[in-house]
Protein backbone atom coordinates (compact mmCIF):
# COMPACT_ATOMS: atom_id res chain seq x y z
CA MET A 1 -128.72 87.14 27.82
CA GLY A 2 -131.94 85.67 29.49
CA GLY A 3 -135.27 87.36 28.30
CA ASP A 4 -137.99 88.59 30.58
CA VAL A 5 -140.62 86.35 29.64
CA SER A 6 -143.49 88.51 31.60
CA ALA A 7 -142.86 91.53 28.77
CA PRO A 8 -143.90 91.57 25.59
CA ALA A 9 -141.70 91.14 22.35
CA GLY A 10 -141.41 94.68 20.11
CA ARG A 11 -140.90 94.75 16.81
CA VAL A 12 -138.31 97.01 15.00
CA VAL A 13 -139.65 99.72 13.10
CA ARG A 14 -136.74 101.78 12.27
CA VAL A 15 -132.92 101.08 11.83
CA ASN A 16 -130.06 103.56 10.86
CA GLY A 17 -126.84 102.49 11.64
CA PRO A 18 -126.12 101.85 15.29
CA LEU A 19 -129.73 103.79 15.98
CA VAL A 20 -133.05 101.58 16.25
CA GLU A 21 -136.39 101.73 16.97
CA VAL A 22 -138.65 99.77 18.71
CA GLU A 23 -142.68 99.44 19.29
CA GLY A 24 -144.28 97.58 21.46
CA LEU A 25 -142.10 96.93 24.39
CA GLY A 26 -143.90 96.74 27.62
CA GLY A 27 -142.19 97.44 31.19
CA VAL A 28 -138.87 98.05 30.06
CA ALA A 29 -136.49 100.89 32.06
CA MET A 30 -133.88 103.01 30.74
CA LEU A 31 -130.10 101.50 29.67
CA GLU A 32 -131.83 98.01 29.86
CA LEU A 33 -130.66 96.19 27.56
CA VAL A 34 -132.42 94.63 24.28
CA ALA A 35 -132.20 91.63 22.11
CA LEU A 36 -132.73 91.93 17.98
CA GLY A 37 -133.53 90.09 15.54
CA PRO A 38 -132.57 86.25 15.16
CA ASP A 39 -128.96 86.87 15.66
CA ARG A 40 -130.14 88.59 18.82
CA VAL A 41 -127.90 91.43 18.69
CA SER A 42 -127.11 93.65 21.95
CA ALA A 43 -128.83 96.92 22.31
CA GLU A 44 -129.16 99.47 25.50
CA ILE A 45 -132.80 101.64 25.67
CA VAL A 46 -131.55 105.32 25.64
CA ALA A 47 -135.25 106.77 25.25
CA LEU A 48 -138.32 106.38 25.92
CA GLU A 49 -141.68 107.70 24.31
CA GLY A 50 -144.85 106.39 25.07
CA THR A 51 -144.92 103.00 23.08
CA ARG A 52 -141.48 103.58 21.61
CA ALA A 53 -138.06 103.10 22.65
CA THR A 54 -134.91 104.07 20.82
CA LEU A 55 -131.74 101.90 21.39
CA GLN A 56 -128.34 102.32 20.35
CA ALA A 57 -126.80 98.85 19.06
CA TYR A 58 -123.83 97.55 20.51
CA GLU A 59 -123.26 95.47 17.53
CA TYR A 60 -123.18 95.49 13.73
CA THR A 61 -127.03 95.97 12.67
CA GLY A 62 -126.70 94.58 9.38
CA GLY A 63 -128.92 92.00 8.22
CA ILE A 64 -132.10 93.69 10.85
CA ARG A 65 -134.83 94.96 9.39
CA ALA A 66 -138.30 96.44 10.41
CA GLY A 67 -140.70 94.01 12.16
CA ASP A 68 -138.05 91.46 13.68
CA VAL A 69 -138.87 90.91 17.23
CA ALA A 70 -137.22 92.91 20.05
CA GLU A 71 -136.78 91.19 23.32
CA ALA A 72 -136.38 92.87 27.03
CA THR A 73 -133.92 91.31 28.71
CA GLY A 74 -134.04 92.89 32.29
CA ASP A 75 -130.86 94.01 32.78
CA GLN A 76 -128.68 96.58 32.06
CA LEU A 77 -125.23 96.15 30.18
CA VAL A 78 -122.89 94.12 32.60
CA GLY A 79 -119.46 93.13 33.04
CA VAL A 80 -118.47 89.77 33.81
CA LEU A 81 -116.08 90.65 36.78
CA GLY A 82 -113.45 87.42 37.46
CA PRO A 83 -110.79 85.62 37.39
CA GLY A 84 -109.30 85.31 33.71
CA LEU A 85 -109.39 89.00 33.22
CA LEU A 86 -105.52 90.25 33.75
CA GLY A 87 -103.37 89.08 30.63
CA HIS A 88 -106.18 88.92 28.38
CA ALA A 89 -108.49 91.36 25.42
CA PHE A 90 -111.25 91.88 25.77
CA ASP A 91 -114.00 93.83 23.34
CA GLY A 92 -116.32 97.27 24.29
CA LEU A 93 -118.25 95.35 25.83
CA LEU A 94 -115.91 92.64 28.20
CA ARG A 95 -116.56 89.72 25.55
CA PRO A 96 -112.65 87.79 25.28
CA LEU A 97 -111.38 88.33 21.92
CA SER A 98 -108.40 86.36 22.10
CA ASP A 99 -110.06 82.96 21.29
CA ALA A 100 -112.83 85.07 18.89
CA PRO A 101 -113.12 84.29 15.33
CA LEU A 102 -111.86 86.41 12.64
CA TRP A 103 -115.29 87.72 12.16
CA LEU A 104 -117.04 89.00 14.88
CA GLY A 105 -120.88 88.04 15.10
CA PRO A 106 -122.77 85.38 16.89
CA GLU A 107 -120.22 82.98 16.93
CA ARG A 108 -118.64 85.52 20.16
CA ALA A 109 -121.28 83.01 21.91
CA ALA A 110 -118.54 80.04 22.11
CA ALA A 111 -115.85 82.59 23.04
CA ASP A 112 -117.93 83.73 26.03
CA ALA A 113 -119.12 79.73 26.73
CA ALA A 114 -115.43 79.12 26.85
CA ARG A 115 -114.40 81.92 29.60
CA GLU A 116 -117.42 80.37 31.85
CA GLU A 117 -115.98 77.64 31.85
CA ALA A 118 -112.73 77.97 32.79
CA ALA A 119 -112.01 76.34 36.20
CA TRP A 120 -109.84 78.43 38.78
CA ARG A 121 -108.99 76.92 42.35
CA PHE A 122 -110.03 79.09 45.11
CA VAL A 123 -108.55 78.98 48.13
CA PRO A 124 -110.29 80.12 51.15
CA ALA A 125 -109.08 82.94 53.51
CA VAL A 126 -111.64 82.48 56.13
CA GLY A 127 -113.39 79.34 57.89
CA ILE A 128 -117.15 78.73 58.70
CA GLY A 129 -118.46 80.47 61.13
CA ASP A 130 -116.64 83.32 60.67
CA ARG A 131 -118.07 86.74 60.82
CA VAL A 132 -117.35 88.76 57.65
CA GLU A 133 -118.02 92.32 56.67
CA ARG A 134 -118.82 93.61 53.33
CA GLY A 135 -115.90 94.20 51.40
CA ASP A 136 -113.60 91.40 53.30
CA VAL A 137 -111.68 88.81 51.92
CA LEU A 138 -113.01 85.25 51.29
CA GLY A 139 -110.43 83.59 49.53
CA THR A 140 -107.82 84.38 46.38
CA VAL A 141 -107.84 82.58 43.11
CA PRO A 142 -104.07 81.66 42.62
CA ASP A 143 -102.74 81.79 38.71
CA SER A 144 -104.97 84.31 38.11
CA GLY A 145 -102.26 87.26 36.74
CA SER A 146 -99.42 89.09 38.54
CA VAL A 147 -101.48 90.25 41.17
CA GLU A 148 -103.40 88.56 43.91
CA HIS A 149 -107.14 87.98 42.74
CA ARG A 150 -109.40 88.39 45.90
CA VAL A 151 -113.17 87.06 46.16
CA LEU A 152 -114.35 89.23 48.44
CA ALA A 153 -117.81 89.65 50.65
CA GLY A 154 -120.88 90.77 49.12
CA VAL A 155 -122.67 91.04 52.00
CA ALA A 156 -121.63 91.18 56.04
CA GLY A 157 -122.64 88.02 58.06
CA GLU A 158 -121.31 84.63 59.05
CA VAL A 159 -119.99 82.35 56.51
CA THR A 160 -122.12 79.09 56.57
CA TRP A 161 -120.12 77.34 53.61
CA LEU A 162 -117.34 77.27 51.96
CA ALA A 163 -115.57 75.54 48.64
CA GLY A 164 -112.99 73.61 49.16
CA GLU A 165 -109.92 74.19 47.12
CA ALA A 166 -111.25 72.11 44.09
CA PRO A 167 -111.80 73.49 40.40
CA VAL A 168 -114.43 75.78 39.85
CA ARG A 169 -116.10 77.67 37.51
CA ALA A 170 -116.69 81.61 36.91
CA SER A 171 -120.23 80.86 37.65
CA ASP A 172 -119.99 78.35 40.81
CA VAL A 173 -120.64 79.56 44.40
CA VAL A 174 -117.65 79.09 46.24
CA ALA A 175 -119.55 80.82 50.06
CA ARG A 176 -122.64 81.29 51.33
CA VAL A 177 -122.77 84.24 54.13
CA GLY A 178 -125.60 84.37 55.50
CA ASP A 179 -128.39 83.06 53.15
CA SER A 180 -126.50 84.84 50.32
CA GLU A 181 -124.20 82.92 47.92
CA VAL A 182 -120.99 84.36 46.61
CA ARG A 183 -119.88 83.28 43.02
CA LEU A 184 -116.54 83.31 41.84
CA ALA A 185 -117.53 85.67 39.19
CA GLU A 186 -119.64 88.61 39.64
CA ARG A 187 -121.75 90.83 37.43
CA TRP A 188 -121.87 94.44 37.80
CA PRO A 189 -123.78 97.17 35.53
CA VAL A 190 -120.71 98.79 34.13
CA ARG A 191 -122.56 102.49 34.15
CA THR A 192 -122.68 102.17 37.39
CA PRO A 193 -119.74 103.13 40.33
CA ARG A 194 -118.91 100.70 42.60
CA PRO A 195 -119.75 101.36 46.13
CA ILE A 196 -116.66 102.76 48.55
CA ARG A 197 -116.43 103.56 52.09
CA ASP A 198 -115.13 107.01 51.80
CA ARG A 199 -112.36 108.96 50.31
CA PRO A 200 -109.79 109.73 52.67
CA PRO A 201 -107.90 113.09 53.20
CA GLY A 202 -104.38 113.77 51.92
CA VAL A 203 -102.48 112.74 48.41
CA ALA A 204 -100.02 110.66 47.39
CA PRO A 205 -98.10 110.36 44.03
CA ILE A 206 -98.35 107.73 40.94
CA HIS A 207 -94.44 107.56 39.58
CA THR A 208 -94.94 107.63 35.82
CA GLY A 209 -90.81 106.89 35.20
CA GLN A 210 -91.42 109.74 32.63
CA ARG A 211 -88.94 112.70 34.30
CA VAL A 212 -91.07 115.79 32.55
CA LEU A 213 -94.29 114.30 34.19
CA ASP A 214 -92.96 113.46 37.35
CA LEU A 215 -90.63 116.60 38.13
CA LEU A 216 -92.64 119.05 36.52
CA TYR A 217 -96.50 117.40 36.15
CA PRO A 218 -97.03 115.25 38.89
CA LEU A 219 -100.10 113.32 39.00
CA ALA A 220 -101.81 112.03 42.10
CA SER A 221 -102.97 108.55 42.74
CA GLY A 222 -106.55 108.62 42.38
CA ALA A 223 -106.94 112.00 40.02
CA ALA A 224 -107.57 111.98 36.12
CA ALA A 225 -105.02 113.60 33.31
CA ALA A 226 -105.63 114.37 29.89
CA VAL A 227 -103.02 114.30 27.30
CA PRO A 228 -104.11 116.18 24.31
CA GLY A 229 -102.22 116.60 21.18
CA GLY A 230 -102.41 116.79 17.61
CA PHE A 231 -101.69 114.02 15.14
CA GLY A 232 -97.99 112.47 15.35
CA THR A 233 -96.93 114.05 18.56
CA GLY A 234 -96.47 110.97 20.52
CA LYS A 235 -99.74 110.47 22.70
CA THR A 236 -100.17 107.21 22.11
CA MET A 237 -96.35 106.93 22.38
CA LEU A 238 -97.15 108.46 26.04
CA LEU A 239 -99.27 106.88 27.00
CA GLN A 240 -97.71 103.25 26.27
CA GLN A 241 -94.73 103.77 28.19
CA ILE A 242 -96.89 105.00 31.17
CA ALA A 243 -98.47 101.70 30.92
CA LYS A 244 -95.14 99.75 30.61
CA TRP A 245 -93.81 101.89 34.07
CA SER A 246 -95.77 103.25 35.94
CA ASP A 247 -96.07 102.08 39.45
CA ALA A 248 -99.78 100.81 39.52
CA ASP A 249 -100.45 97.40 40.46
CA VAL A 250 -103.14 96.89 37.60
CA ILE A 251 -103.04 98.63 34.32
CA VAL A 252 -106.79 98.94 32.41
CA TYR A 253 -105.87 99.86 28.52
CA VAL A 254 -108.50 100.88 26.82
CA GLY A 255 -108.11 101.66 22.87
CA CYS A 256 -111.44 103.36 21.83
CA GLY A 257 -111.59 103.74 18.06
CA GLU A 258 -107.45 103.87 17.76
CA ARG A 259 -106.06 101.82 14.66
CA GLY A 260 -105.64 98.34 14.95
CA ASN A 261 -102.15 98.07 14.58
CA GLU A 262 -101.43 100.57 17.34
CA MET A 263 -103.32 98.28 19.93
CA ALA A 264 -101.30 94.93 18.28
CA ASP A 265 -98.37 97.32 18.87
CA VAL A 266 -99.49 97.55 22.84
CA LEU A 267 -100.64 93.88 22.96
CA ASP A 268 -96.95 93.02 22.03
CA GLY A 269 -94.79 95.55 23.87
CA LEU A 270 -96.72 94.52 26.88
CA ALA A 271 -96.31 90.55 26.16
CA THR A 272 -92.85 90.95 25.28
CA LEU A 273 -91.68 93.25 28.70
CA VAL A 274 -90.69 92.04 32.01
CA ASP A 275 -92.07 93.38 34.68
CA GLU A 276 -89.67 94.44 37.24
CA ARG A 277 -91.17 93.90 40.30
CA THR A 278 -93.01 91.01 39.74
CA GLY A 279 -90.24 89.20 37.01
CA GLY A 280 -93.09 88.02 35.21
CA ARG A 281 -94.43 89.48 31.99
CA LEU A 282 -96.26 92.92 32.30
CA ILE A 283 -99.24 91.84 30.26
CA ASP A 284 -99.84 89.86 33.67
CA ARG A 285 -101.22 92.94 35.37
CA THR A 286 -103.20 94.27 32.57
CA VAL A 287 -106.56 94.24 30.65
CA ILE A 288 -106.98 95.12 27.10
CA ILE A 289 -110.30 96.53 26.13
CA ALA A 290 -109.78 96.78 22.26
CA ASN A 291 -112.53 98.83 20.43
CA THR A 292 -110.38 99.59 17.44
CA SER A 293 -112.04 102.07 14.77
CA ASN A 294 -113.18 98.98 12.32
CA MET A 295 -115.59 97.97 15.43
CA PRO A 296 -118.99 98.79 16.48
CA MET A 297 -119.39 102.45 17.35
CA MET A 298 -121.25 102.33 19.92
CA ALA A 299 -119.29 99.50 21.81
CA ARG A 300 -116.82 102.13 21.73
CA GLU A 301 -119.10 104.62 23.36
CA ALA A 302 -119.38 101.88 26.37
CA SER A 303 -115.81 100.73 26.42
CA ILE A 304 -114.72 103.57 28.87
CA TYR A 305 -117.13 102.52 31.31
CA THR A 306 -116.28 99.18 30.92
CA GLY A 307 -112.95 99.65 31.63
CA ILE A 308 -113.33 102.15 34.34
CA CYS A 309 -115.75 99.23 35.88
CA VAL A 310 -112.92 96.65 35.67
CA ALA A 311 -110.20 98.92 37.55
CA GLU A 312 -112.71 100.03 40.05
CA TYR A 313 -112.88 96.08 40.42
CA TYR A 314 -109.76 95.30 41.50
CA ARG A 315 -109.67 98.77 43.35
CA ASP A 316 -112.10 97.08 45.68
CA MET A 317 -109.50 94.21 46.14
CA GLY A 318 -106.95 96.79 47.49
CA HIS A 319 -104.73 97.37 44.26
CA ASP A 320 -104.10 100.45 42.68
CA SER A 321 -105.63 100.46 39.00
CA VAL A 322 -104.98 103.37 36.26
CA VAL A 323 -107.06 103.23 33.50
CA ILE A 324 -105.74 104.75 30.06
CA ALA A 325 -108.12 105.80 27.25
CA ASP A 326 -106.68 106.04 24.01
CA SER A 327 -108.67 108.49 23.13
CA THR A 328 -111.54 109.93 24.04
CA SER A 329 -111.83 112.26 21.44
CA ARG A 330 -113.09 109.15 19.38
CA TRP A 331 -115.15 108.04 21.92
CA ALA A 332 -116.82 111.55 21.85
CA GLU A 333 -117.71 110.98 17.87
CA ALA A 334 -119.49 108.00 18.90
CA LEU A 335 -121.90 109.98 21.20
CA ARG A 336 -121.81 112.66 18.48
CA GLU A 337 -122.81 110.49 15.31
CA PHE A 338 -125.59 108.67 17.62
CA SER A 339 -127.14 111.63 18.43
CA ASN A 340 -127.00 112.99 15.04
CA ARG A 341 -128.83 109.94 13.95
CA ASN A 342 -131.13 110.19 16.29
CA GLY A 343 -131.96 114.00 15.51
CA ASP A 344 -131.10 115.37 18.94
CA LEU A 345 -130.65 119.59 18.78
CA PRO A 346 -126.64 119.80 18.34
CA ALA A 347 -124.25 121.91 20.75
CA GLU A 348 -120.81 123.06 19.62
CA GLU A 349 -119.40 121.40 16.60
CA GLY A 350 -122.34 119.17 16.45
CA TYR A 351 -121.63 117.68 19.70
CA PRO A 352 -124.58 116.69 21.70
CA ALA A 353 -125.24 119.44 24.83
CA SER A 354 -124.65 116.69 27.21
CA LEU A 355 -120.71 116.34 26.26
CA ALA A 356 -119.36 118.29 29.39
CA SER A 357 -121.97 115.87 31.99
CA ALA A 358 -120.67 113.09 29.77
CA LEU A 359 -116.96 113.89 30.21
CA ALA A 360 -117.58 114.58 34.30
CA ALA A 361 -119.33 111.67 34.68
CA PHE A 362 -116.17 109.39 33.34
CA TYR A 363 -113.71 111.34 34.64
CA GLU A 364 -115.31 111.57 38.39
CA ARG A 365 -115.08 108.02 38.87
CA ALA A 366 -111.03 108.48 39.63
CA GLY A 367 -110.39 108.33 42.77
CA ARG A 368 -108.25 107.31 45.84
CA VAL A 369 -111.03 106.11 48.23
CA THR A 370 -111.07 103.53 51.76
CA THR A 371 -112.78 100.69 50.28
CA LEU A 372 -115.68 98.49 52.01
CA GLY A 373 -113.00 96.24 53.22
CA GLY A 374 -111.09 98.85 54.99
CA ARG A 375 -108.56 99.10 51.79
CA THR A 376 -106.99 102.09 50.71
CA ALA A 377 -106.86 101.95 47.12
CA SER A 378 -107.55 104.05 43.86
CA VAL A 379 -108.21 104.41 40.37
CA THR A 380 -106.19 107.00 38.61
CA VAL A 381 -107.79 107.55 34.75
CA ILE A 382 -105.58 109.02 32.15
CA GLY A 383 -107.22 110.33 29.09
CA ALA A 384 -105.76 110.87 25.35
CA VAL A 385 -107.51 113.98 23.69
CA SER A 386 -106.93 114.14 19.56
CA PRO A 387 -108.41 117.37 18.67
CA PRO A 388 -108.98 117.43 14.78
CA GLY A 389 -106.30 119.49 13.04
CA GLY A 390 -104.53 120.22 16.38
CA ASP A 391 -107.04 122.71 17.64
CA MET A 392 -106.94 123.03 21.62
CA THR A 393 -110.40 125.49 21.41
CA GLU A 394 -112.70 122.22 19.96
CA PRO A 395 -114.90 121.42 22.86
CA VAL A 396 -113.89 117.87 23.86
CA THR A 397 -110.11 119.66 24.53
CA THR A 398 -111.42 122.35 26.52
CA ASP A 399 -114.45 120.55 28.86
CA THR A 400 -112.04 117.68 29.67
CA GLN A 401 -109.68 120.59 31.17
CA ARG A 402 -112.10 121.41 33.55
CA PHE A 403 -112.55 117.86 34.87
CA VAL A 404 -108.62 116.89 35.31
CA ARG A 405 -106.37 117.92 37.79
CA SER A 406 -103.35 117.52 36.00
CA LEU A 407 -102.73 117.84 31.86
CA TRP A 408 -99.76 117.13 29.96
CA LEU A 409 -100.28 119.06 26.31
CA LEU A 410 -98.14 118.32 23.56
CA ASP A 411 -96.51 120.71 21.55
CA ARG A 412 -96.44 119.98 17.36
CA GLU A 413 -93.02 121.75 17.31
CA LEU A 414 -91.01 119.84 20.28
CA ALA A 415 -92.44 116.76 18.47
CA TYR A 416 -91.39 117.74 14.80
CA ALA A 417 -88.07 118.31 16.60
CA ARG A 418 -88.05 114.78 17.64
CA HIS A 419 -87.87 115.48 21.46
CA TYR A 420 -89.86 112.96 23.10
CA PRO A 421 -92.36 113.41 25.21
CA ALA A 422 -93.04 116.34 23.58
CA VAL A 423 -94.82 117.56 26.76
CA SER A 424 -95.05 121.77 26.14
CA TRP A 425 -94.14 123.28 29.79
CA THR A 426 -95.63 126.34 28.86
CA GLY A 427 -99.75 124.88 28.49
CA SER A 428 -99.45 122.01 30.65
CA PHE A 429 -100.51 122.24 34.43
CA ALA A 430 -100.65 120.16 37.38
CA ARG A 431 -103.44 121.24 40.33
CA ASP A 432 -102.03 118.65 42.68
CA ALA A 433 -98.36 119.89 42.74
CA GLU A 434 -98.78 121.76 46.35
CA PRO A 435 -99.95 119.18 48.31
CA LEU A 436 -97.63 116.63 46.31
CA GLY A 437 -94.33 118.58 47.13
CA LEU A 438 -96.06 118.72 51.24
CA TRP A 439 -96.46 114.46 50.26
CA HIS A 440 -92.76 114.63 48.99
CA SER A 441 -91.26 116.56 51.71
CA ALA A 442 -92.90 114.46 54.63
CA ASN A 443 -91.36 111.53 52.41
CA GLY A 444 -87.64 112.46 52.52
CA ASP A 445 -87.33 114.75 49.78
CA PRO A 446 -87.72 118.28 51.02
CA GLY A 447 -86.33 119.92 48.10
CA TRP A 448 -88.88 118.56 45.67
CA ALA A 449 -91.17 121.64 45.07
CA ARG A 450 -88.18 124.24 45.65
CA ARG A 451 -86.33 122.13 42.75
CA ARG A 452 -89.82 121.77 40.80
CA ALA A 453 -90.41 125.67 40.68
CA ARG A 454 -86.69 126.15 39.73
CA ALA A 455 -86.91 124.31 36.89
CA ALA A 456 -90.31 125.65 35.71
CA SER A 457 -88.65 129.48 36.73
CA LEU A 458 -85.28 128.46 34.40
CA LEU A 459 -87.19 126.95 31.00
CA ALA A 460 -89.96 130.29 31.07
CA GLU A 461 -87.17 132.68 31.32
CA ALA A 462 -84.68 130.72 28.96
CA ASP A 463 -88.16 130.96 26.61
CA ARG A 464 -88.50 134.41 26.74
CA LEU A 465 -84.67 135.34 26.29
CA ALA A 466 -85.06 132.71 22.95
CA ASP A 467 -87.84 135.23 21.40
CA LEU A 468 -85.46 138.19 21.99
CA ALA A 469 -82.20 136.40 20.94
CA GLU A 470 -83.78 135.81 17.43
CA ILE A 471 -83.96 139.51 17.18
CA ILE A 472 -80.59 140.86 18.86
CA GLY A 473 -78.79 137.70 18.40
CA THR A 474 -77.35 136.35 21.45
CA SER A 475 -74.12 137.46 21.56
CA SER A 476 -75.52 140.89 22.21
CA LEU A 477 -77.32 139.24 25.63
CA PRO A 478 -75.54 139.76 28.75
CA GLY A 479 -73.18 137.08 29.80
CA HIS A 480 -75.92 135.72 32.86
CA GLU A 481 -78.94 135.73 30.08
CA ARG A 482 -76.57 133.77 28.34
CA MET A 483 -76.35 131.67 31.21
CA VAL A 484 -80.11 131.44 31.43
CA LEU A 485 -80.06 130.07 27.87
CA LEU A 486 -77.60 127.54 28.23
CA GLY A 487 -79.19 126.38 31.17
CA GLY A 488 -82.82 126.03 29.11
CA ARG A 489 -81.14 123.86 26.57
CA LEU A 490 -79.68 121.86 29.10
CA LEU A 491 -82.40 121.25 31.21
CA ARG A 492 -84.70 120.40 27.62
CA ASP A 493 -82.24 117.98 26.31
CA GLY A 494 -80.59 116.89 29.82
CA VAL A 495 -83.44 116.11 31.58
CA LEU A 496 -86.60 116.60 30.19
CA LEU A 497 -85.74 114.55 27.02
CA GLN A 498 -86.36 110.83 27.39
CA ASN A 499 -85.86 107.93 24.92
CA ALA A 500 -88.49 105.12 25.01
CA LEU A 501 -86.32 102.95 23.36
CA SER A 502 -83.13 103.22 25.27
CA ARG A 503 -82.13 100.45 28.12
CA ASN A 504 -81.16 103.27 30.45
CA ASP A 505 -83.60 105.81 29.72
CA ALA A 506 -87.12 104.29 29.03
CA PHE A 507 -87.82 104.60 32.64
CA CYS A 508 -86.33 106.87 35.37
CA SER A 509 -86.61 106.49 39.02
CA ALA A 510 -87.56 109.22 40.95
CA ALA A 511 -84.18 109.34 42.54
CA LYS A 512 -82.70 109.21 39.27
CA GLY A 513 -84.80 112.33 38.12
CA ALA A 514 -84.10 114.52 41.46
CA ALA A 515 -80.32 113.73 40.73
CA LEU A 516 -80.54 114.79 36.62
CA LEU A 517 -82.25 118.07 37.86
CA ASP A 518 -79.93 118.93 40.61
CA LEU A 519 -77.03 118.50 38.33
CA VAL A 520 -78.60 120.64 36.04
CA LEU A 521 -79.28 123.14 38.05
CA ASP A 522 -75.97 123.10 40.03
CA VAL A 523 -74.25 123.80 36.53
CA VAL A 524 -76.40 126.79 35.83
CA ASP A 525 -75.76 128.35 39.05
CA THR A 526 -72.05 127.44 38.50
CA CYS A 527 -72.02 129.04 34.99
CA GLN A 528 -73.47 132.14 36.75
CA VAL A 529 -71.08 132.36 39.57
CA LEU A 530 -67.95 132.00 36.83
CA VAL A 531 -70.24 135.21 34.88
CA GLU A 532 -69.95 137.06 37.65
CA ARG A 533 -66.21 136.51 38.21
CA GLY A 534 -65.77 138.08 35.38
CA VAL A 535 -65.23 134.73 32.62
CA PRO A 536 -66.75 135.68 29.16
CA ALA A 537 -69.54 133.58 28.61
CA SER A 538 -68.24 132.61 25.44
CA VAL A 539 -65.71 130.50 27.10
CA ILE A 540 -68.19 128.67 29.34
CA GLU A 541 -70.56 128.48 26.44
CA ARG A 542 -67.27 126.56 24.34
CA HIS A 543 -66.82 124.02 27.55
CA ASP A 544 -68.09 120.44 26.70
CA PHE A 545 -71.11 120.18 28.69
CA GLY A 546 -71.59 116.22 27.17
CA PRO A 547 -71.26 114.54 30.48
CA VAL A 548 -74.36 116.44 31.27
CA LEU A 549 -76.26 115.58 28.42
CA ARG A 550 -75.38 112.49 28.27
CA ALA A 551 -75.83 111.43 32.18
CA ARG A 552 -79.76 110.23 31.30
CA GLU A 553 -78.43 107.44 29.20
CA ASP A 554 -74.94 106.60 30.60
CA VAL A 555 -76.01 105.70 34.09
CA GLY A 556 -78.76 102.81 34.98
CA PRO A 557 -82.59 103.84 35.21
CA ASP A 558 -82.16 103.58 39.61
CA ASP A 559 -78.84 104.71 39.67
CA ALA A 560 -78.89 108.31 41.27
CA ALA A 561 -75.55 107.80 42.86
CA ALA A 562 -73.40 107.92 39.50
CA VAL A 563 -75.21 111.10 38.10
CA THR A 564 -74.38 112.61 42.05
CA GLU A 565 -70.65 111.24 41.03
CA ARG A 566 -71.07 113.07 37.70
CA ARG A 567 -72.52 116.65 38.85
CA ILE A 568 -69.42 116.80 41.23
CA ALA A 569 -66.79 115.85 38.56
CA VAL A 570 -68.43 118.47 36.24
CA LEU A 571 -68.82 121.14 38.65
CA GLY A 572 -64.72 120.87 39.86
CA GLU A 573 -64.09 121.36 35.92
CA LEU A 574 -66.23 124.48 35.40
CA GLU A 575 -64.44 125.61 38.96
CA GLY A 576 -61.41 125.38 36.24
CA LEU A 577 -62.71 128.02 34.05
CA ALA A 578 -62.44 130.50 36.86
């Protein structure tokens, strides 16, 4: 941070945890960074009243006392965006953690400097004298992750100079467009959305590899989803599965106030898992933003903006990015604590009145866009919500539901029954299911919407009959209703249940998921026909449906043909009961 020598230095007058009040700062603005004390602790201006400024500190404020110098920097909180992000872990302010000292403090400058001095090879994609528009690709940087790193023009004009293929540092100029210099890395205010050309019409799905999501509650590329659930319902496991298996080009995983051991598990899993698309490590297309529960609280508040800023950076290159925030409840708790220290009038459950607008500002940065360079790309946001005590009526959960397109509600009873992913089919929704059904119909699967509607109807009817059977007994139900109960069990255990530790079942292709669902629905239809022919329901229920239930684990993740063969065999065996 470079200080603004024209602005007089202020003095600290009050310190209350991350809240710091300063008197005497001149010529400052909201969201400007201020360096506090001899260690130059970073803090951001969040309120101005006369000559007094209220700041939120992004680092530990121990040792700062009244009378210490506060120096305005003239900058907002910015992220240094360039090569070297993929495959590495950073804190909430996008400072590298990989080479950081054990105790985070002023020594972090050494890690930041090492990142600035790293050398990269720039390969020009245009020539001197070429005319470029804003967002056009000027060159690429090989060996910067498993997706192509593109250096983009910030202005339109004629290319007047280009760096050769010699090693360059992040701060070096690699091209000149007109009178403007283009550096290998750029600085961007993380709270400011990056510009786009427009938002094209239409939707396309993002494939997560998790059947319950892809078949029943799909998410459009560039949309937002929330995963609310109480403690132990499997939020982190589900998010890790999406990070590992979704078809996004770049994953930005934000550990926002979660436990450090969970972040260590994420890092270890991504580092060891092979990326099926590139053949390299999955972490080579992943950026980790780690601000765990033992790190500074207000850096947690900034971490989700840092994560989505990185995702927008790769979106502008033409890549589809996914931001996974685990969890937004811890982020909201940081807002609540700071608001209470500042003496703001509390709203529901002590959260600030601006909570809903803050959530909206975060989720609305998701989108499928046409970039300035004319490429179609997206930022998809998936945020976990951890309601205290599993209370789904608390403010963070209820406000979040207003701003997302898909809700994947995790059910405690399913989780305790060891049904994973424990996504509830009674409380979840997907607002883009209809347009996504049209997309599937236009892309080779005209039966997608019908299949989804039948599955949802079967689950709802099976739940209704299960409540009735608990009162009067299953044997008292008519045969066709007993087949609905059977179908609900086959659907839950044979399709929606998924084993994250299985080589064949951790990931499921769209074709295999459709084949499994067709298998169960066709079996249910055949059983109903058998009942109509006079076959007793008890005879059908005693039939071995193990091949149906085991199909998800017996065949490979992309082997839809093997599921189809099993469907033919199972239906043939059922016909023999008539």
